[in-house]
Amino acid sequence: AESLTKKRQNHIEIQEKWIRRAALLYKVEQEKQGTGEKKGLRTVCKEMVERCWQEDQERITVDKQTVFVQSQAQSNAKRNEALNAEESKSLISYAVNIAQRGFPLTPHRLAELANEI
């Protein structure tokens, strides 16, 4: 028995997965060459809702207005990211190097180094 919060979190993850798939399928459809029928965004969204029900047994909505919009979770993750990938790698390599010399970093010292970067 999952909590309501966990159920909601799972639902949002599934919905975001299908929204990403809808965006990808729409781009593929628009890149088709020739005079063949291209699926519109509304058709793609309806198809993704049906496929989600078939594969995940989850009722979702894929709104054509929000297919190419960044999700709130992605936006918050980018905004709250303290270090970029390169800075993270350099901090980790420094911490490993110091630990191999026998001087492991304390959480306080690690936070100080992260703030300096």
PDB file of N, CA and C in Angstrom:
ATOM      1  N   ALA A   1       0.847  -1.183   0.000  1.00  0.00           N
ATOM      2  CA  ALA A   1       0.000   0.000   0.000  1.00  0.00           C
ATOM      3  C   ALA A   1       0.889   1.241   0.000  1.00  0.00           C
ATOM      4  N   GLU A   2       0.839   1.962  -1.085  1.00  0.00           N
ATOM      5  CA  GLU A   2       1.648   3.171  -1.208  1.00  0.00           C
ATOM      6  C   GLU A   2       0.912   4.363  -0.604  1.00  0.00           C
ATOM      7  N   SER A   3       1.666   5.323  -0.130  1.00  0.00           N
ATOM      8  CA  SER A   3       1.063   6.541   0.378  1.00  0.00           C
ATOM      9  C   SER A   3       0.533   7.366  -0.788  1.00  0.00           C
ATOM     10  N   LEU A   4      -0.329   8.305  -0.490  1.00  0.00           N
ATOM     11  CA  LEU A   4      -0.885   9.167  -1.536  1.00  0.00           C
ATOM     12  C   LEU A   4       0.208   9.976  -2.217  1.00  0.00           C
ATOM     13  N   THR A   5       1.186  10.403  -1.449  1.00  0.00           N
ATOM     14  CA  THR A   5       2.289  11.177  -2.017  1.00  0.00           C
ATOM     15  C   THR A   5       3.077  10.342  -3.010  1.00  0.00           C
ATOM     16  N   LYS A   6       3.367   9.102  -2.649  1.00  0.00           N
ATOM     17  CA  LYS A   6       4.121   8.215  -3.538  1.00  0.00           C
ATOM     18  C   LYS A   6       3.317   7.895  -4.794  1.00  0.00           C
ATOM     19  N   LYS A   7       2.011   7.671  -4.640  1.00  0.00           N
ATOM     20  CA  LYS A   7       1.157   7.422  -5.805  1.00  0.00           C
ATOM     21  C   LYS A   7       1.176   8.619  -6.748  1.00  0.00           C
ATOM     22  N   ARG A   8       1.076   9.808  -6.185  1.00  0.00           N
ATOM     23  CA  ARG A   8       1.090  11.030  -6.998  1.00  0.00           C
ATOM     24  C   ARG A   8       2.434  11.182  -7.706  1.00  0.00           C
ATOM     25  N   GLN A   9       3.511  10.909  -6.995  1.00  0.00           N
ATOM     26  CA  GLN A   9       4.849  11.005  -7.572  1.00  0.00           C
ATOM     27  C   GLN A   9       5.006  10.026  -8.737  1.00  0.00           C
ATOM     28  N   ASN A  10       4.544   8.808  -8.570  1.00  0.00           N
ATOM     29  CA  ASN A  10       4.606   7.815  -9.646  1.00  0.00           C
ATOM     30  C   ASN A  10       3.769   8.247 -10.838  1.00  0.00           C
ATOM     31  N   HIS A  11       2.586   8.797 -10.568  1.00  0.00           N
ATOM     32  CA  HIS A  11       1.710   9.263 -11.645  1.00  0.00           C
ATOM     33  C   HIS A  11       2.382  10.372 -12.453  1.00  0.00           C
ATOM     34  N   ILE A  12       3.017  11.298 -11.761  1.00  0.00           N
ATOM     35  CA  ILE A  12       3.689  12.408 -12.443  1.00  0.00           C
ATOM     36  C   ILE A  12       4.860  11.891 -13.274  1.00  0.00           C
ATOM     37  N   GLU A  13       5.626  10.941 -12.744  1.00  0.00           N
ATOM     38  CA  GLU A  13       6.745  10.368 -13.500  1.00  0.00           C
ATOM     39  C   GLU A  13       6.258   9.688 -14.775  1.00  0.00           C
ATOM     40  N   ILE A  14       5.173   8.938 -14.663  1.00  0.00           N
ATOM     41  CA  ILE A  14       4.614   8.269 -15.841  1.00  0.00           C
ATOM     42  C   ILE A  14       4.125   9.300 -16.849  1.00  0.00           C
ATOM     43  N   GLN A  15       3.441  10.321 -16.357  1.00  0.00           N
ATOM     44  CA  GLN A  15       2.919  11.351 -17.255  1.00  0.00           C
ATOM     45  C   GLN A  15       4.052  12.077 -17.971  1.00  0.00           C
ATOM     46  N   GLU A  16       5.112  12.419 -17.261  1.00  0.00           N
ATOM     47  CA  GLU A  16       6.245  13.102 -17.891  1.00  0.00           C
ATOM     48  C   GLU A  16       6.921  12.209 -18.923  1.00  0.00           C
ATOM     49  N   LYS A  17       7.002  10.909 -18.646  1.00  0.00           N
ATOM     50  CA  LYS A  17       7.581   9.970 -19.611  1.00  0.00           C
ATOM     51  C   LYS A  17       6.784   9.998 -20.911  1.00  0.00           C
ATOM     52  N   TRP A  18       5.466   9.958 -20.810  1.00  0.00           N
ATOM     53  CA  TRP A  18       4.630   9.931 -22.012  1.00  0.00           C
ATOM     54  C   TRP A  18       4.599  11.284 -22.713  1.00  0.00           C
ATOM     55  N   ILE A  19       4.745  12.362 -21.979  1.00  0.00           N
ATOM     56  CA  ILE A  19       4.826  13.683 -22.614  1.00  0.00           C
ATOM     57  C   ILE A  19       6.112  13.779 -23.429  1.00  0.00           C
ATOM     58  N   ARG A  20       7.226  13.273 -22.881  1.00  0.00           N
ATOM     59  CA  ARG A  20       8.484  13.270 -23.638  1.00  0.00           C
ATOM     60  C   ARG A  20       8.352  12.428 -24.904  1.00  0.00           C
ATOM     61  N   ARG A  21       7.697  11.277 -24.776  1.00  0.00           N
ATOM     62  CA  ARG A  21       7.489  10.426 -25.951  1.00  0.00           C
ATOM     63  C   ARG A  21       6.621  11.127 -26.993  1.00  0.00           C
ATOM     64  N   ALA A  22       5.609  11.855 -26.535  1.00  0.00           N
ATOM     65  CA  ALA A  22       4.737  12.580 -27.465  1.00  0.00           C
ATOM     66  C   ALA A  22       5.532  13.636 -28.224  1.00  0.00           C
ATOM     67  N   ALA A  23       6.393  14.358 -27.527  1.00  0.00           N
ATOM     68  CA  ALA A  23       7.208  15.382 -28.182  1.00  0.00           C
ATOM     69  C   ALA A  23       8.130  14.758 -29.215  1.00  0.00           C
ATOM     70  N   LEU A  24       8.740  13.637 -28.868  1.00  0.00           N
ATOM     71  CA  LEU A  24       9.642  12.955 -29.794  1.00  0.00           C
ATOM     72  C   LEU A  24       8.892  12.434 -31.019  1.00  0.00           C
ATOM     73  N   LEU A  25       7.742  11.808 -30.796  1.00  0.00           N
ATOM     74  CA  LEU A  25       6.951  11.285 -31.913  1.00  0.00           C
ATOM     75  C   LEU A  25       6.478  12.415 -32.825  1.00  0.00           C
ATOM     76  N   TYR A  26       6.081  13.527 -32.234  1.00  0.00           N
ATOM     77  CA  TYR A  26       5.625  14.661 -33.044  1.00  0.00           C
ATOM     78  C   TYR A  26       6.763  15.191 -33.918  1.00  0.00           C
ATOM     79  N   LYS A  27       7.954  15.303 -33.350  1.00  0.00           N
ATOM     80  CA  LYS A  27       9.103  15.773 -34.136  1.00  0.00           C
ATOM     81  C   LYS A  27       9.401  14.818 -35.283  1.00  0.00           C
ATOM     82  N   VAL A  28       9.338  13.514 -35.017  1.00  0.00           N
ATOM     83  CA  VAL A  28       9.569  12.511 -36.067  1.00  0.00           C
ATOM     84  C   VAL A  28       8.518  12.650 -37.159  1.00  0.00           C
ATOM     85  N   GLU A  29       7.277  12.831 -36.766  1.00  0.00           N
ATOM     86  CA  GLU A  29       6.194  12.978 -37.745  1.00  0.00           C
ATOM     87  C   GLU A  29       6.409  14.207 -38.625  1.00  0.00           C
ATOM     88  N   GLN A  30       6.857  15.293 -38.033  1.00  0.00           N
ATOM     89  CA  GLN A  30       7.034  16.524 -38.798  1.00  0.00           C
ATOM     90  C   GLN A  30       8.236  16.460 -39.730  1.00  0.00           C
ATOM     91  N   GLU A  31       9.176  15.581 -39.442  1.00  0.00           N
ATOM     92  CA  GLU A  31      10.362  15.441 -40.291  1.00  0.00           C
ATOM     93  C   GLU A  31      10.134  14.481 -41.453  1.00  0.00           C
ATOM     94  N   LYS A  32       8.970  13.848 -41.500  1.00  0.00           N
ATOM     95  CA  LYS A  32       8.678  12.927 -42.598  1.00  0.00           C
ATOM     96  C   LYS A  32       8.677  13.677 -43.922  1.00  0.00           C
ATOM     97  N   GLN A  33       9.261  13.048 -44.908  1.00  0.00           N
ATOM     98  CA  GLN A  33       9.311  13.630 -46.248  1.00  0.00           C
ATOM     99  C   GLN A  33       8.160  13.078 -47.075  1.00  0.00           C
ATOM    100  N   GLY A  34       7.794  13.815 -48.105  1.00  0.00           N
ATOM    101  CA  GLY A  34       6.772  13.327 -49.020  1.00  0.00           C
ATOM    102  C   GLY A  34       5.405  13.892 -48.704  1.00  0.00           C
ATOM    103  N   THR A  35       4.438  13.397 -49.430  1.00  0.00           N
ATOM    104  CA  THR A  35       3.083  13.925 -49.309  1.00  0.00           C
ATOM    105  C   THR A  35       2.212  13.096 -48.384  1.00  0.00           C
ATOM    106  N   GLY A  36       2.790  12.113 -47.738  1.00  0.00           N
ATOM    107  CA  GLY A  36       2.028  11.254 -46.830  1.00  0.00           C
ATOM    108  C   GLY A  36       1.446  12.050 -45.675  1.00  0.00           C
ATOM    109  N   GLU A  37       0.473  11.449 -45.040  1.00  0.00           N
ATOM    110  CA  GLU A  37      -0.174  12.102 -43.910  1.00  0.00           C
ATOM    111  C   GLU A  37       0.783  12.193 -42.720  1.00  0.00           C
ATOM    112  N   LYS A  38       0.902  13.390 -42.188  1.00  0.00           N
ATOM    113  CA  LYS A  38       1.668  13.591 -40.962  1.00  0.00           C
ATOM    114  C   LYS A  38       0.675  13.725 -39.817  1.00  0.00           C
ATOM    115  N   LYS A  39       0.989  13.107 -38.716  1.00  0.00           N
ATOM    116  CA  LYS A  39       0.109  13.216 -37.560  1.00  0.00           C
ATOM    117  C   LYS A  39       0.278  14.594 -36.937  1.00  0.00           C
ATOM    118  N   GLY A  40      -0.823  15.172 -36.542  1.00  0.00           N
ATOM    119  CA  GLY A  40      -0.787  16.446 -35.847  1.00  0.00           C
ATOM    120  C   GLY A  40      -0.502  16.242 -34.371  1.00  0.00           C
ATOM    121  N   LEU A  41      -0.271  17.338 -33.681  1.00  0.00           N
ATOM    122  CA  LEU A  41       0.063  17.264 -32.261  1.00  0.00           C
ATOM    123  C   LEU A  41      -1.095  16.691 -31.448  1.00  0.00           C
ATOM    124  N   ARG A  42      -2.306  17.081 -31.771  1.00  0.00           N
ATOM    125  CA  ARG A  42      -3.470  16.569 -31.044  1.00  0.00           C
ATOM    126  C   ARG A  42      -3.589  15.052 -31.212  1.00  0.00           C
ATOM    127  N   THR A  43      -3.379  14.568 -32.431  1.00  0.00           N
ATOM    128  CA  THR A  43      -3.453  13.131 -32.699  1.00  0.00           C
ATOM    129  C   THR A  43      -2.358  12.380 -31.947  1.00  0.00           C
ATOM    130  N   VAL A  44      -1.164  12.938 -31.944  1.00  0.00           N
ATOM    131  CA  VAL A  44      -0.048  12.318 -31.224  1.00  0.00           C
ATOM    132  C   VAL A  44      -0.364  12.245 -29.733  1.00  0.00           C
ATOM    133  N   CYS A  45      -0.918  13.318 -29.175  1.00  0.00           N
ATOM    134  CA  CYS A  45      -1.248  13.329 -27.747  1.00  0.00           C
ATOM    135  C   CYS A  45      -2.293  12.267 -27.414  1.00  0.00           C
ATOM    136  N   LYS A  46      -3.322  12.163 -28.244  1.00  0.00           N
ATOM    137  CA  LYS A  46      -4.349  11.140 -28.015  1.00  0.00           C
ATOM    138  C   LYS A  46      -3.742   9.741 -28.092  1.00  0.00           C
ATOM    139  N   GLU A  47      -2.854   9.539 -29.053  1.00  0.00           N
ATOM    140  CA  GLU A  47      -2.209   8.239 -29.209  1.00  0.00           C
ATOM    141  C   GLU A  47      -1.371   7.889 -27.979  1.00  0.00           C
ATOM    142  N   MET A  48      -0.672   8.867 -27.428  1.00  0.00           N
ATOM    143  CA  MET A  48       0.159   8.615 -26.247  1.00  0.00           C
ATOM    144  C   MET A  48      -0.699   8.276 -25.032  1.00  0.00           C
ATOM    145  N   VAL A  49      -1.851   8.931 -24.894  1.00  0.00           N
ATOM    146  CA  VAL A  49      -2.756   8.621 -23.782  1.00  0.00           C
ATOM    147  C   VAL A  49      -3.225   7.176 -23.885  1.00  0.00           C
ATOM    148  N   GLU A  50      -3.589   6.756 -25.097  1.00  0.00           N
ATOM    149  CA  GLU A  50      -4.048   5.377 -25.304  1.00  0.00           C
ATOM    150  C   GLU A  50      -2.924   4.373 -25.054  1.00  0.00           C
ATOM    151  N   ARG A  51      -1.739   4.670 -25.556  1.00  0.00           N
ATOM    152  CA  ARG A  51      -0.608   3.751 -25.363  1.00  0.00           C
ATOM    153  C   ARG A  51      -0.217   3.654 -23.893  1.00  0.00           C
ATOM    154  N   CYS A  52      -0.319   4.762 -23.165  1.00  0.00           N
ATOM    155  CA  CYS A  52      -0.018   4.745 -21.733  1.00  0.00           C
ATOM    156  C   CYS A  52      -0.986   3.815 -21.013  1.00  0.00           C
ATOM    157  N   TRP A  53      -2.256   3.891 -21.369  1.00  0.00           N
ATOM    158  CA  TRP A  53      -3.238   3.021 -20.731  1.00  0.00           C
ATOM    159  C   TRP A  53      -2.944   1.557 -21.036  1.00  0.00           C
ATOM    160  N   GLN A  54      -2.546   1.279 -22.284  1.00  0.00           N
ATOM    161  CA  GLN A  54      -2.256  -0.097 -22.680  1.00  0.00           C
ATOM    162  C   GLN A  54      -1.005  -0.634 -21.991  1.00  0.00           C
ATOM    163  N   GLU A  55       0.036   0.184 -21.892  1.00  0.00           N
ATOM    164  CA  GLU A  55       1.316  -0.289 -21.357  1.00  0.00           C
ATOM    165  C   GLU A  55       1.426  -0.162 -19.843  1.00  0.00           C
ATOM    166  N   ASP A  56       0.982   0.980 -19.293  1.00  0.00           N
ATOM    167  CA  ASP A  56       1.175   1.246 -17.865  1.00  0.00           C
ATOM    168  C   ASP A  56      -0.103   1.137 -17.035  1.00  0.00           C
ATOM    169  N   GLN A  57      -1.251   0.942 -17.681  1.00  0.00           N
ATOM    170  CA  GLN A  57      -2.544   0.907 -16.999  1.00  0.00           C
ATOM    171  C   GLN A  57      -2.731   2.140 -16.112  1.00  0.00           C
ATOM    172  N   GLU A  58      -2.411   3.285 -16.664  1.00  0.00           N
ATOM    173  CA  GLU A  58      -2.509   4.547 -15.936  1.00  0.00           C
ATOM    174  C   GLU A  58      -3.232   5.552 -16.823  1.00  0.00           C
ATOM    175  N   ARG A  59      -4.226   6.219 -16.266  1.00  0.00           N
ATOM    176  CA  ARG A  59      -4.946   7.256 -17.001  1.00  0.00           C
ATOM    177  C   ARG A  59      -4.209   8.579 -16.809  1.00  0.00           C
ATOM    178  N   ILE A  60      -3.773   9.145 -17.917  1.00  0.00           N
ATOM    179  CA  ILE A  60      -3.062  10.420 -17.872  1.00  0.00           C
ATOM    180  C   ILE A  60      -3.691  11.369 -18.872  1.00  0.00           C
ATOM    181  N   THR A  61      -3.275  12.628 -18.804  1.00  0.00           N
ATOM    182  CA  THR A  61      -3.641  13.599 -19.822  1.00  0.00           C
ATOM    183  C   THR A  61      -2.355  14.132 -20.428  1.00  0.00           C
ATOM    184  N   VAL A  62      -2.340  14.227 -21.739  1.00  0.00           N
ATOM    185  CA  VAL A  62      -1.208  14.816 -22.447  1.00  0.00           C
ATOM    186  C   VAL A  62      -1.782  15.990 -23.221  1.00  0.00           C
ATOM    187  N   ASP A  63      -1.628  17.170 -22.660  1.00  0.00           N
ATOM    188  CA  ASP A  63      -2.188  18.376 -23.263  1.00  0.00           C
ATOM    189  C   ASP A  63      -1.254  18.889 -24.345  1.00  0.00           C
ATOM    190  N   LYS A  64      -1.808  19.186 -25.508  1.00  0.00           N
ATOM    191  CA  LYS A  64      -0.981  19.639 -26.627  1.00  0.00           C
ATOM    192  C   LYS A  64      -0.314  20.985 -26.339  1.00  0.00           C
ATOM    193  N   GLN A  65      -0.861  21.746 -25.406  1.00  0.00           N
ATOM    194  CA  GLN A  65      -0.283  23.043 -25.074  1.00  0.00           C
ATOM    195  C   GLN A  65       0.984  22.917 -24.224  1.00  0.00           C
ATOM    196  N   THR A  66       1.137  21.787 -23.549  1.00  0.00           N
ATOM    197  CA  THR A  66       2.258  21.645 -22.617  1.00  0.00           C
ATOM    198  C   THR A  66       3.279  20.595 -23.031  1.00  0.00           C
ATOM    199  N   VAL A  67       3.167  20.062 -24.237  1.00  0.00           N
ATOM    200  CA  VAL A  67       4.084  18.999 -24.657  1.00  0.00           C
ATOM    201  C   VAL A  67       5.525  19.492 -24.697  1.00  0.00           C
ATOM    202  N   PHE A  68       5.750  20.696 -25.157  1.00  0.00           N
ATOM    203  CA  PHE A  68       7.120  21.190 -25.299  1.00  0.00           C
ATOM    204  C   PHE A  68       7.525  22.135 -24.169  1.00  0.00           C
ATOM    205  N   VAL A  69       6.755  22.146 -23.088  1.00  0.00           N
ATOM    206  CA  VAL A  69       7.055  23.001 -21.945  1.00  0.00           C
ATOM    207  C   VAL A  69       7.840  22.192 -20.921  1.00  0.00           C
ATOM    208  N   GLN A  70       8.825  22.824 -20.303  1.00  0.00           N
ATOM    209  CA  GLN A  70       9.635  22.153 -19.290  1.00  0.00           C
ATOM    210  C   GLN A  70       8.788  21.897 -18.047  1.00  0.00           C
ATOM    211  N   SER A  71       8.911  20.720 -17.467  1.00  0.00           N
ATOM    212  CA  SER A  71       8.124  20.391 -16.278  1.00  0.00           C
ATOM    213  C   SER A  71       8.643  21.171 -15.072  1.00  0.00           C
ATOM    214  N   GLN A  72       7.797  21.288 -14.071  1.00  0.00           N
ATOM    215  CA  GLN A  72       8.170  22.014 -12.866  1.00  0.00           C
ATOM    216  C   GLN A  72       9.329  21.313 -12.158  1.00  0.00           C
ATOM    217  N   ALA A  73       9.334  20.001 -12.158  1.00  0.00           N
ATOM    218  CA  ALA A  73      10.417  19.253 -11.514  1.00  0.00           C
ATOM    219  C   ALA A  73      11.752  19.525 -12.200  1.00  0.00           C
ATOM    220  N   GLN A  74      11.751  19.555 -13.533  1.00  0.00           N
ATOM    221  CA  GLN A  74      12.985  19.840 -14.269  1.00  0.00           C
ATOM    222  C   GLN A  74      13.450  21.269 -14.008  1.00  0.00           C
ATOM    223  N   SER A  75      12.507  22.184 -13.979  1.00  0.00           N
ATOM    224  CA  SER A  75      12.844  23.581 -13.734  1.00  0.00           C
ATOM    225  C   SER A  75      13.454  23.764 -12.349  1.00  0.00           C
ATOM    226  N   ASN A  76      12.839  23.147 -11.347  1.00  0.00           N
ATOM    227  CA  ASN A  76      13.356  23.254  -9.984  1.00  0.00           C
ATOM    228  C   ASN A  76      14.724  22.607  -9.855  1.00  0.00           C
ATOM    229  N   ALA A  77      14.931  21.489 -10.526  1.00  0.00           N
ATOM    230  CA  ALA A  77      16.224  20.807 -10.453  1.00  0.00           C
ATOM    231  C   ALA A  77      17.327  21.680 -11.036  1.00  0.00           C
ATOM    232  N   LYS A  78      17.053  22.329 -12.148  1.00  0.00           N
ATOM    233  CA  LYS A  78      18.061  23.199 -12.753  1.00  0.00           C
ATOM    234  C   LYS A  78      18.335  24.417 -11.885  1.00  0.00           C
ATOM    235  N   ARG A  79      17.271  24.973 -11.307  1.00  0.00           N
ATOM    236  CA  ARG A  79      17.426  26.174 -10.497  1.00  0.00           C
ATOM    237  C   ARG A  79      18.193  25.882  -9.212  1.00  0.00           C
ATOM    238  N   ASN A  80      17.959  24.717  -8.627  1.00  0.00           N
ATOM    239  CA  ASN A  80      18.575  24.372  -7.348  1.00  0.00           C
ATOM    240  C   ASN A  80      19.924  23.680  -7.489  1.00  0.00           C
ATOM    241  N   GLU A  81      20.360  23.460  -8.711  1.00  0.00           N
ATOM    242  CA  GLU A  81      21.639  22.793  -8.924  1.00  0.00           C
ATOM    243  C   GLU A  81      22.761  23.741  -8.499  1.00  0.00           C
ATOM    244  N   ALA A  82      23.488  23.350  -7.465  1.00  0.00           N
ATOM    245  CA  ALA A  82      24.524  24.220  -6.927  1.00  0.00           C
ATOM    246  C   ALA A  82      25.770  24.220  -7.808  1.00  0.00           C
ATOM    247  N   LEU A  83      26.168  23.055  -8.284  1.00  0.00           N
ATOM    248  CA  LEU A  83      27.377  22.928  -9.086  1.00  0.00           C
ATOM    249  C   LEU A  83      27.031  22.320 -10.434  1.00  0.00           C
ATOM    250  N   ASN A  84      27.732  22.765 -11.463  1.00  0.00           N
ATOM    251  CA  ASN A  84      27.526  22.118 -12.761  1.00  0.00           C
ATOM    252  C   ASN A  84      28.351  20.832 -12.806  1.00  0.00           C
ATOM    253  N   ALA A  85      28.263  20.105 -13.888  1.00  0.00           N
ATOM    254  CA  ALA A  85      28.906  18.786 -13.981  1.00  0.00           C
ATOM    255  C   ALA A  85      30.423  18.879 -13.840  1.00  0.00           C
ATOM    256  N   GLU A  86      31.021  19.865 -14.476  1.00  0.00           N
ATOM    257  CA  GLU A  86      32.482  20.005 -14.419  1.00  0.00           C
ATOM    258  C   GLU A  86      32.950  20.332 -13.006  1.00  0.00           C
ATOM    259  N   GLU A  87      32.231  21.225 -12.328  1.00  0.00           N
ATOM    260  CA  GLU A  87      32.597  21.583 -10.961  1.00  0.00           C
ATOM    261  C   GLU A  87      32.427  20.387 -10.025  1.00  0.00           C
ATOM    262  N   SER A  88      31.386  19.617 -10.242  1.00  0.00           N
ATOM    263  CA  SER A  88      31.162  18.423  -9.415  1.00  0.00           C
ATOM    264  C   SER A  88      32.297  17.426  -9.581  1.00  0.00           C
ATOM    265  N   LYS A  89      32.720  17.198 -10.829  1.00  0.00           N
ATOM    266  CA  LYS A  89      33.815  16.259 -11.082  1.00  0.00           C
ATOM    267  C   LYS A  89      35.099  16.719 -10.415  1.00  0.00           C
ATOM    268  N   SER A  90      35.400  18.016 -10.498  1.00  0.00           N
ATOM    269  CA  SER A  90      36.637  18.509  -9.893  1.00  0.00           C
ATOM    270  C   SER A  90      36.583  18.394  -8.370  1.00  0.00           C
ATOM    271  N   LEU A  91      35.429  18.672  -7.779  1.00  0.00           N
ATOM    272  CA  LEU A  91      35.282  18.563  -6.331  1.00  0.00           C
ATOM    273  C   LEU A  91      35.413  17.103  -5.882  1.00  0.00           C
ATOM    274  N   ILE A  92      34.821  16.196  -6.616  1.00  0.00           N
ATOM    275  CA  ILE A  92      34.903  14.771  -6.278  1.00  0.00           C
ATOM    276  C   ILE A  92      36.331  14.263  -6.408  1.00  0.00           C
ATOM    277  N   SER A  93      37.003  14.642  -7.493  1.00  0.00           N
ATOM    278  CA  SER A  93      38.383  14.176  -7.670  1.00  0.00           C
ATOM    279  C   SER A  93      39.285  14.736  -6.571  1.00  0.00           C
ATOM    280  N   TYR A  94      39.058  15.983  -6.162  1.00  0.00           N
ATOM    281  CA  TYR A  94      39.839  16.570  -5.075  1.00  0.00           C
ATOM    282  C   TYR A  94      39.581  15.812  -3.769  1.00  0.00           C
ATOM    283  N   ALA A  95      38.311  15.513  -3.480  1.00  0.00           N
ATOM    284  CA  ALA A  95      37.968  14.805  -2.245  1.00  0.00           C
ATOM    285  C   ALA A  95      38.577  13.404  -2.225  1.00  0.00           C
ATOM    286  N   VAL A  96      38.550  12.717  -3.350  1.00  0.00           N
ATOM    287  CA  VAL A  96      39.141  11.376  -3.437  1.00  0.00           C
ATOM    288  C   VAL A  96      40.648  11.458  -3.257  1.00  0.00           C
ATOM    289  N   ASN A  97      41.266  12.443  -3.878  1.00  0.00           N
ATOM    290  CA  ASN A  97      42.714  12.625  -3.782  1.00  0.00           C
ATOM    291  C   ASN A  97      43.131  12.867  -2.328  1.00  0.00           C
ATOM    292  N   ILE A  98      42.417  13.737  -1.643  1.00  0.00           N
ATOM    293  CA  ILE A  98      42.725  14.040  -0.239  1.00  0.00           C
ATOM    294  C   ILE A  98      42.496  12.801   0.635  1.00  0.00           C
ATOM    295  N   ALA A  99      41.421  12.058   0.369  1.00  0.00           N
ATOM    296  CA  ALA A  99      41.117  10.859   1.157  1.00  0.00           C
ATOM    297  C   ALA A  99      42.180   9.788   0.957  1.00  0.00           C
ATOM    298  N   GLN A 100      42.712   9.664  -0.259  1.00  0.00           N
ATOM    299  CA  GLN A 100      43.757   8.676  -0.523  1.00  0.00           C
ATOM    300  C   GLN A 100      45.043   9.028   0.214  1.00  0.00           C
ATOM    301  N   ARG A 101      45.234  10.283   0.503  1.00  0.00           N
ATOM    302  CA  ARG A 101      46.413  10.710   1.268  1.00  0.00           C
ATOM    303  C   ARG A 101      46.216  10.528   2.768  1.00  0.00           C
ATOM    304  N   GLY A 102      45.006  10.134   3.161  1.00  0.00           N
ATOM    305  CA  GLY A 102      44.755   9.876   4.575  1.00  0.00           C
ATOM    306  C   GLY A 102      44.082  11.016   5.305  1.00  0.00           C
ATOM    307  N   PHE A 103      43.553  11.988   4.586  1.00  0.00           N
ATOM    308  CA  PHE A 103      42.878  13.123   5.205  1.00  0.00           C
ATOM    309  C   PHE A 103      41.456  13.254   4.645  1.00  0.00           C
ATOM    310  N   PRO A 104      40.542  12.395   5.059  1.00  0.00           N
ATOM    311  CA  PRO A 104      39.180  12.493   4.517  1.00  0.00           C
ATOM    312  C   PRO A 104      38.534  13.825   4.904  1.00  0.00           C
ATOM    313  N   LEU A 105      37.739  14.338   4.003  1.00  0.00           N
ATOM    314  CA  LEU A 105      37.081  15.618   4.238  1.00  0.00           C
ATOM    315  C   LEU A 105      35.856  15.437   5.128  1.00  0.00           C
ATOM    316  N   THR A 106      35.672  16.384   6.021  1.00  0.00           N
ATOM    317  CA  THR A 106      34.452  16.390   6.824  1.00  0.00           C
ATOM    318  C   THR A 106      33.339  17.010   5.976  1.00  0.00           C
ATOM    319  N   PRO A 107      32.099  16.741   6.306  1.00  0.00           N
ATOM    320  CA  PRO A 107      31.002  17.361   5.553  1.00  0.00           C
ATOM    321  C   PRO A 107      31.077  18.887   5.567  1.00  0.00           C
ATOM    322  N   HIS A 108      31.521  19.447   6.702  1.00  0.00           N
ATOM    323  CA  HIS A 108      31.641  20.901   6.802  1.00  0.00           C
ATOM    324  C   HIS A 108      32.697  21.426   5.828  1.00  0.00           C
ATOM    325  N   ARG A 109      33.841  20.779   5.786  1.00  0.00           N
ATOM    326  CA  ARG A 109      34.924  21.204   4.886  1.00  0.00           C
ATOM    327  C   ARG A 109      34.528  21.016   3.424  1.00  0.00           C
ATOM    328  N   LEU A 110      33.819  19.937   3.137  1.00  0.00           N
ATOM    329  CA  LEU A 110      33.348  19.689   1.778  1.00  0.00           C
ATOM    330  C   LEU A 110      32.377  20.791   1.339  1.00  0.00           C
ATOM    331  N   ALA A 111      31.501  21.202   2.241  1.00  0.00           N
ATOM    332  CA  ALA A 111      30.567  22.288   1.929  1.00  0.00           C
ATOM    333  C   ALA A 111      31.317  23.593   1.686  1.00  0.00           C
ATOM    334  N   GLU A 112      32.364  23.852   2.473  1.00  0.00           N
ATOM    335  CA  GLU A 112      33.168  25.063   2.267  1.00  0.00           C
ATOM    336  C   GLU A 112      33.815  25.064   0.884  1.00  0.00           C
ATOM    337  N   LEU A 113      34.373  23.920   0.491  1.00  0.00           N
ATOM    338  CA  LEU A 113      34.996  23.818  -0.831  1.00  0.00           C
ATOM    339  C   LEU A 113      33.974  24.019  -1.947  1.00  0.00           C
ATOM    340  N   ALA A 114      32.795  23.458  -1.765  1.00  0.00           N
ATOM    341  CA  ALA A 114      31.743  23.618  -2.777  1.00  0.00           C
ATOM    342  C   ALA A 114      31.336  25.078  -2.900  1.00  0.00           C
ATOM    343  N   ASN A 115      31.278  25.777  -1.782  1.00  0.00           N
ATOM    344  CA  ASN A 115      30.911  27.196  -1.821  1.00  0.00           C
ATOM    345  C   ASN A 115      31.995  28.044  -2.468  1.00  0.00           C
ATOM    346  N   GLU A 116      33.263  27.636  -2.313  1.00  0.00           N
ATOM    347  CA  GLU A 116      34.360  28.369  -2.945  1.00  0.00           C
ATOM    348  C   GLU A 116      34.314  28.251  -4.461  1.00  0.00           C
ATOM    349  N   ILE A 117      33.873  27.101  -4.931  1.00  0.00           N
ATOM    350  CA  ILE A 117      33.797  26.888  -6.380  1.00  0.00           C
ATOM    351  C   ILE A 117      32.665  27.724  -6.897  1.00  0.00           C
TER     352      ILE A 117
END
